[in-house]
Amino acid sequence: MVYTGSCHCGAVTFSVAANAPDEGMTCNCSHCSRKGFVLTFVPADQFTLDSGADHLTDYLFYRHNITHQFCRTCGTEAFALGKSPDGPMRAINLRCVPSVDIDALTITKVDGASF
């Protein structure tokens, strides 16, 4: 199964080789809470940037562990790059995946403000 997503203007598109998630995560850190993300995480090798690499701008803060990438045209952050104990991963903003019904997800709240 593959699901796809994009930024608001459509310049940045991506696909994920995995089943669409039935769970998501919200975080109360200063960045996520301002952006209103609902996230899922996938191994980097399941993620493909289909278009728009030249439209991406990086943002790093705090410990610089996560590279937040957003479209420099519309400002949408559809995904981020980071590392997990199992290797490189991607955080997918499920609000940028039209086929995912956010209201149907089981949401886990993470206290990222305390990290």
N, C-alpha and C. Protein backbone atom coordinates (compact mmCIF):
# COMPACT_ATOMS: atom_id res chain seq x y z
N MET A 1 0.84 -1.18 0.00
CA MET A 1 0.00 0.00 0.00
C MET A 1 0.89 1.24 0.00
N VAL A 2 0.45 2.27 -0.65
CA VAL A 2 1.17 3.55 -0.69
C VAL A 2 0.17 4.66 -0.42
N TYR A 3 0.56 5.61 0.42
CA TYR A 3 -0.26 6.80 0.56
C TYR A 3 0.57 8.02 0.19
N THR A 4 -0.11 9.06 -0.25
CA THR A 4 0.57 10.24 -0.77
C THR A 4 0.11 11.50 -0.05
N GLY A 5 0.98 12.51 -0.13
CA GLY A 5 0.65 13.79 0.48
C GLY A 5 1.38 14.91 -0.22
N SER A 6 1.08 16.13 0.21
CA SER A 6 1.70 17.30 -0.41
C SER A 6 1.60 18.50 0.52
N CYS A 7 2.34 19.53 0.15
CA CYS A 7 2.18 20.81 0.82
C CYS A 7 0.89 21.45 0.30
N HIS A 8 0.54 22.62 0.78
CA HIS A 8 -0.72 23.27 0.39
C HIS A 8 -0.75 23.64 -1.08
N CYS A 9 0.36 24.19 -1.61
CA CYS A 9 0.37 24.64 -3.01
C CYS A 9 0.63 23.51 -3.99
N GLY A 10 1.05 22.34 -3.50
CA GLY A 10 1.29 21.18 -4.36
C GLY A 10 2.68 21.11 -4.97
N ALA A 11 3.55 22.07 -4.64
CA ALA A 11 4.91 22.04 -5.19
C ALA A 11 5.72 20.88 -4.62
N VAL A 12 5.48 20.52 -3.36
CA VAL A 12 6.18 19.43 -2.70
C VAL A 12 5.21 18.26 -2.55
N THR A 13 5.56 17.13 -3.15
CA THR A 13 4.72 15.93 -3.03
C THR A 13 5.58 14.77 -2.56
N PHE A 14 4.94 13.85 -1.87
CA PHE A 14 5.67 12.70 -1.33
C PHE A 14 4.77 11.48 -1.31
N SER A 15 5.40 10.32 -1.18
CA SER A 15 4.65 9.08 -1.02
C SER A 15 5.32 8.24 0.06
N VAL A 16 4.51 7.42 0.70
CA VAL A 16 4.98 6.55 1.78
C VAL A 16 4.53 5.13 1.45
N ALA A 17 5.49 4.21 1.39
CA ALA A 17 5.20 2.81 1.10
C ALA A 17 4.84 2.10 2.40
N ALA A 18 3.61 2.30 2.83
CA ALA A 18 3.10 1.69 4.07
C ALA A 18 1.59 1.81 4.04
N ASN A 19 0.94 1.04 4.89
CA ASN A 19 -0.50 1.21 5.05
C ASN A 19 -0.78 2.56 5.67
N ALA A 20 -1.86 3.17 5.28
CA ALA A 20 -2.26 4.43 5.90
C ALA A 20 -2.45 4.17 7.39
N PRO A 21 -1.95 5.05 8.23
CA PRO A 21 -2.01 4.80 9.68
C PRO A 21 -3.42 4.93 10.24
N ASP A 22 -3.66 4.21 11.33
CA ASP A 22 -4.91 4.37 12.07
C ASP A 22 -4.66 5.05 13.41
N GLU A 23 -3.41 5.44 13.63
CA GLU A 23 -3.02 6.16 14.84
C GLU A 23 -2.19 7.37 14.46
N GLY A 24 -2.27 8.39 15.28
CA GLY A 24 -1.46 9.59 15.09
C GLY A 24 -0.96 10.08 16.43
N MET A 25 -0.07 11.05 16.39
CA MET A 25 0.51 11.59 17.61
C MET A 25 0.45 13.10 17.56
N THR A 26 0.11 13.71 18.68
CA THR A 26 0.24 15.15 18.82
C THR A 26 1.28 15.42 19.89
N CYS A 27 1.90 16.57 19.80
CA CYS A 27 2.99 16.92 20.71
C CYS A 27 2.78 18.35 21.19
N ASN A 28 3.12 18.61 22.43
CA ASN A 28 2.92 19.94 22.99
C ASN A 28 4.20 20.77 23.03
N CYS A 29 5.23 20.37 22.27
CA CYS A 29 6.45 21.19 22.23
C CYS A 29 6.12 22.52 21.55
N SER A 30 7.02 23.47 21.68
CA SER A 30 6.76 24.81 21.16
C SER A 30 6.53 24.81 19.65
N HIS A 31 7.17 23.94 18.92
CA HIS A 31 7.02 23.91 17.46
C HIS A 31 5.72 23.21 17.05
N CYS A 32 5.54 21.98 17.51
CA CYS A 32 4.37 21.19 17.11
C CYS A 32 3.05 21.84 17.53
N SER A 33 3.02 22.40 18.73
CA SER A 33 1.76 22.98 19.20
C SER A 33 1.38 24.20 18.37
N ARG A 34 2.36 24.97 17.93
CA ARG A 34 2.06 26.12 17.08
C ARG A 34 1.61 25.70 15.68
N LYS A 35 2.13 24.60 15.21
CA LYS A 35 1.80 24.13 13.86
C LYS A 35 0.54 23.26 13.81
N GLY A 36 0.15 22.67 14.94
CA GLY A 36 -1.04 21.83 14.97
C GLY A 36 -0.87 20.48 14.29
N PHE A 37 0.34 19.96 14.31
CA PHE A 37 0.62 18.69 13.65
C PHE A 37 -0.15 17.52 14.26
N VAL A 38 -0.50 16.56 13.40
CA VAL A 38 -0.85 15.20 13.79
C VAL A 38 0.14 14.35 13.01
N LEU A 39 1.00 13.64 13.74
CA LEU A 39 2.15 12.98 13.13
C LEU A 39 2.07 11.46 13.16
N THR A 40 2.74 10.85 12.21
CA THR A 40 3.08 9.45 12.25
C THR A 40 4.54 9.34 11.83
N PHE A 41 5.19 8.27 12.21
CA PHE A 41 6.61 8.11 11.93
C PHE A 41 6.83 6.85 11.10
N VAL A 42 7.69 6.96 10.10
CA VAL A 42 8.01 5.82 9.24
C VAL A 42 9.52 5.75 9.03
N PRO A 43 10.05 4.55 8.80
CA PRO A 43 11.46 4.45 8.44
C PRO A 43 11.73 5.24 7.16
N ALA A 44 12.90 5.86 7.09
CA ALA A 44 13.23 6.71 5.94
C ALA A 44 13.13 5.98 4.61
N ASP A 45 13.42 4.69 4.60
CA ASP A 45 13.39 3.96 3.32
C ASP A 45 11.97 3.71 2.81
N GLN A 46 10.95 4.03 3.61
CA GLN A 46 9.56 3.92 3.15
C GLN A 46 9.05 5.25 2.59
N PHE A 47 9.85 6.30 2.69
CA PHE A 47 9.46 7.64 2.28
C PHE A 47 10.13 8.00 0.95
N THR A 48 9.36 8.59 0.03
CA THR A 48 9.92 9.08 -1.23
C THR A 48 9.45 10.51 -1.44
N LEU A 49 10.40 11.40 -1.67
CA LEU A 49 10.06 12.77 -2.07
C LEU A 49 9.84 12.72 -3.58
N ASP A 50 8.60 12.89 -4.01
CA ASP A 50 8.26 12.73 -5.42
C ASP A 50 8.54 13.99 -6.23
N SER A 51 8.36 15.15 -5.63
CA SER A 51 8.64 16.40 -6.34
C SER A 51 8.85 17.52 -5.33
N GLY A 52 9.57 18.54 -5.77
CA GLY A 52 9.69 19.75 -4.98
C GLY A 52 10.91 19.90 -4.11
N ALA A 53 11.94 19.09 -4.32
CA ALA A 53 13.15 19.22 -3.49
C ALA A 53 13.68 20.65 -3.54
N ASP A 54 13.57 21.29 -4.69
CA ASP A 54 14.06 22.66 -4.83
C ASP A 54 13.17 23.69 -4.15
N HIS A 55 12.01 23.27 -3.66
CA HIS A 55 11.10 24.17 -2.94
C HIS A 55 11.24 24.06 -1.42
N LEU A 56 12.07 23.13 -0.95
CA LEU A 56 12.16 22.88 0.49
C LEU A 56 13.19 23.77 1.17
N THR A 57 12.83 24.22 2.35
CA THR A 57 13.73 24.97 3.23
C THR A 57 13.77 24.25 4.56
N ASP A 58 14.94 24.20 5.18
CA ASP A 58 15.11 23.51 6.45
C ASP A 58 15.00 24.47 7.63
N TYR A 59 14.50 23.93 8.75
CA TYR A 59 14.46 24.67 10.00
C TYR A 59 14.89 23.72 11.12
N LEU A 60 15.86 24.15 11.90
CA LEU A 60 16.35 23.38 13.05
C LEU A 60 16.24 24.25 14.28
N PHE A 61 15.91 23.64 15.42
CA PHE A 61 15.89 24.39 16.67
C PHE A 61 16.25 23.46 17.82
N TYR A 62 16.44 24.02 18.97
CA TYR A 62 16.76 23.34 20.21
C TYR A 62 17.98 22.44 20.02
N ARG A 63 17.83 21.16 20.05
CA ARG A 63 18.97 20.24 19.95
C ARG A 63 19.38 19.92 18.52
N HIS A 64 18.65 20.40 17.56
CA HIS A 64 18.94 20.18 16.14
C HIS A 64 18.89 18.69 15.77
N ASN A 65 18.03 17.93 16.44
CA ASN A 65 17.89 16.51 16.16
C ASN A 65 16.94 16.22 15.01
N ILE A 66 16.06 17.15 14.73
CA ILE A 66 15.06 16.96 13.69
C ILE A 66 15.20 18.08 12.67
N THR A 67 15.27 17.70 11.40
CA THR A 67 15.30 18.70 10.33
C THR A 67 13.87 18.89 9.86
N HIS A 68 13.30 20.01 10.22
CA HIS A 68 11.94 20.35 9.79
C HIS A 68 12.06 20.94 8.39
N GLN A 69 11.34 20.37 7.44
CA GLN A 69 11.40 20.86 6.07
C GLN A 69 10.04 21.39 5.68
N PHE A 70 10.04 22.60 5.12
CA PHE A 70 8.77 23.19 4.72
C PHE A 70 8.91 23.80 3.33
N CYS A 71 7.78 23.93 2.66
CA CYS A 71 7.74 24.50 1.32
C CYS A 71 7.97 26.00 1.43
N ARG A 72 8.93 26.50 0.70
CA ARG A 72 9.22 27.93 0.78
C ARG A 72 8.20 28.76 0.02
N THR A 73 7.32 28.12 -0.76
CA THR A 73 6.27 28.86 -1.46
C THR A 73 5.06 29.07 -0.56
N CYS A 74 4.53 27.98 0.04
CA CYS A 74 3.31 28.10 0.85
C CYS A 74 3.54 28.00 2.35
N GLY A 75 4.73 27.56 2.76
CA GLY A 75 5.06 27.48 4.18
C GLY A 75 4.64 26.21 4.89
N THR A 76 4.04 25.26 4.17
CA THR A 76 3.56 24.04 4.80
C THR A 76 4.72 23.09 5.13
N GLU A 77 4.70 22.56 6.36
CA GLU A 77 5.66 21.52 6.73
C GLU A 77 4.94 20.18 6.66
N ALA A 78 5.19 19.44 5.59
CA ALA A 78 4.51 18.17 5.37
C ALA A 78 5.23 17.00 6.03
N PHE A 79 6.53 17.18 6.32
CA PHE A 79 7.31 16.10 6.92
C PHE A 79 8.58 16.67 7.51
N ALA A 80 9.24 15.83 8.31
CA ALA A 80 10.52 16.19 8.91
C ALA A 80 11.42 14.97 8.87
N LEU A 81 12.72 15.20 9.00
CA LEU A 81 13.72 14.13 8.97
C LEU A 81 14.37 14.03 10.33
N GLY A 82 14.56 12.82 10.80
CA GLY A 82 15.20 12.63 12.09
C GLY A 82 15.79 11.24 12.21
N LYS A 83 16.18 10.91 13.42
CA LYS A 83 16.75 9.59 13.70
C LYS A 83 16.01 8.97 14.87
N SER A 84 15.83 7.67 14.79
CA SER A 84 15.26 6.90 15.89
C SER A 84 16.30 5.86 16.28
N PRO A 85 16.07 5.13 17.36
CA PRO A 85 17.02 4.06 17.71
C PRO A 85 17.19 3.02 16.60
N ASP A 86 16.18 2.90 15.73
CA ASP A 86 16.23 1.94 14.63
C ASP A 86 16.82 2.51 13.35
N GLY A 87 17.19 3.79 13.35
CA GLY A 87 17.78 4.40 12.16
C GLY A 87 17.03 5.63 11.70
N PRO A 88 17.35 6.12 10.50
CA PRO A 88 16.71 7.32 9.97
C PRO A 88 15.20 7.14 9.85
N MET A 89 14.46 8.20 10.14
CA MET A 89 13.00 8.14 10.06
C MET A 89 12.48 9.44 9.47
N ARG A 90 11.20 9.41 9.14
CA ARG A 90 10.49 10.59 8.68
C ARG A 90 9.25 10.75 9.55
N ALA A 91 9.02 11.97 9.96
CA ALA A 91 7.79 12.32 10.66
C ALA A 91 6.85 12.89 9.61
N ILE A 92 5.72 12.27 9.42
CA ILE A 92 4.76 12.69 8.40
C ILE A 92 3.64 13.47 9.06
N ASN A 93 3.38 14.68 8.56
CA ASN A 93 2.26 15.48 9.03
C ASN A 93 1.00 14.95 8.35
N LEU A 94 0.20 14.21 9.08
CA LEU A 94 -0.97 13.56 8.49
C LEU A 94 -2.02 14.54 8.00
N ARG A 95 -1.94 15.78 8.43
CA ARG A 95 -2.85 16.80 7.90
C ARG A 95 -2.55 17.11 6.43
N CYS A 96 -1.41 16.64 5.94
CA CYS A 96 -1.02 16.84 4.54
C CYS A 96 -1.29 15.61 3.68
N VAL A 97 -1.99 14.63 4.24
CA VAL A 97 -2.31 13.38 3.53
C VAL A 97 -3.83 13.32 3.38
N PRO A 98 -4.35 13.69 2.21
CA PRO A 98 -5.80 13.78 2.03
C PRO A 98 -6.57 12.50 2.30
N SER A 99 -5.96 11.34 2.09
CA SER A 99 -6.69 10.08 2.27
C SER A 99 -6.85 9.68 3.74
N VAL A 100 -6.19 10.38 4.65
CA VAL A 100 -6.28 10.05 6.08
C VAL A 100 -7.38 10.89 6.72
N ASP A 101 -8.31 10.21 7.37
CA ASP A 101 -9.38 10.88 8.12
C ASP A 101 -8.86 11.14 9.54
N ILE A 102 -8.45 12.36 9.80
CA ILE A 102 -7.87 12.71 11.10
C ILE A 102 -8.82 12.37 12.24
N ASP A 103 -10.10 12.60 12.05
CA ASP A 103 -11.08 12.36 13.11
C ASP A 103 -11.24 10.88 13.44
N ALA A 104 -10.83 9.99 12.53
CA ALA A 104 -10.96 8.55 12.77
C ALA A 104 -9.71 7.96 13.44
N LEU A 105 -8.65 8.75 13.58
CA LEU A 105 -7.40 8.25 14.16
C LEU A 105 -7.49 8.14 15.68
N THR A 106 -6.80 7.17 16.22
CA THR A 106 -6.54 7.12 17.66
C THR A 106 -5.33 8.02 17.89
N ILE A 107 -5.50 9.04 18.73
CA ILE A 107 -4.44 10.04 18.93
C ILE A 107 -3.74 9.81 20.27
N THR A 108 -2.42 9.76 20.22
CA THR A 108 -1.59 9.70 21.41
C THR A 108 -0.98 11.07 21.63
N LYS A 109 -1.09 11.58 22.85
CA LYS A 109 -0.50 12.88 23.18
C LYS A 109 0.87 12.66 23.80
N VAL A 110 1.87 13.37 23.27
CA VAL A 110 3.24 13.26 23.74
C VAL A 110 3.64 14.57 24.41
N ASP A 111 4.28 14.48 25.55
CA ASP A 111 4.72 15.67 26.28
C ASP A 111 6.11 16.09 25.81
N GLY A 112 6.18 16.58 24.58
CA GLY A 112 7.44 17.03 24.01
C GLY A 112 7.99 18.28 24.68
N ALA A 113 7.15 19.03 25.36
CA ALA A 113 7.60 20.23 26.05
C ALA A 113 8.55 19.89 27.19
N SER A 114 8.49 18.68 27.68
CA SER A 114 9.33 18.27 28.81
C SER A 114 10.64 17.61 28.37
N PHE A 115 10.86 17.46 27.09
CA PHE A 115 12.09 16.81 26.61
C PHE A 115 13.27 17.72 26.81
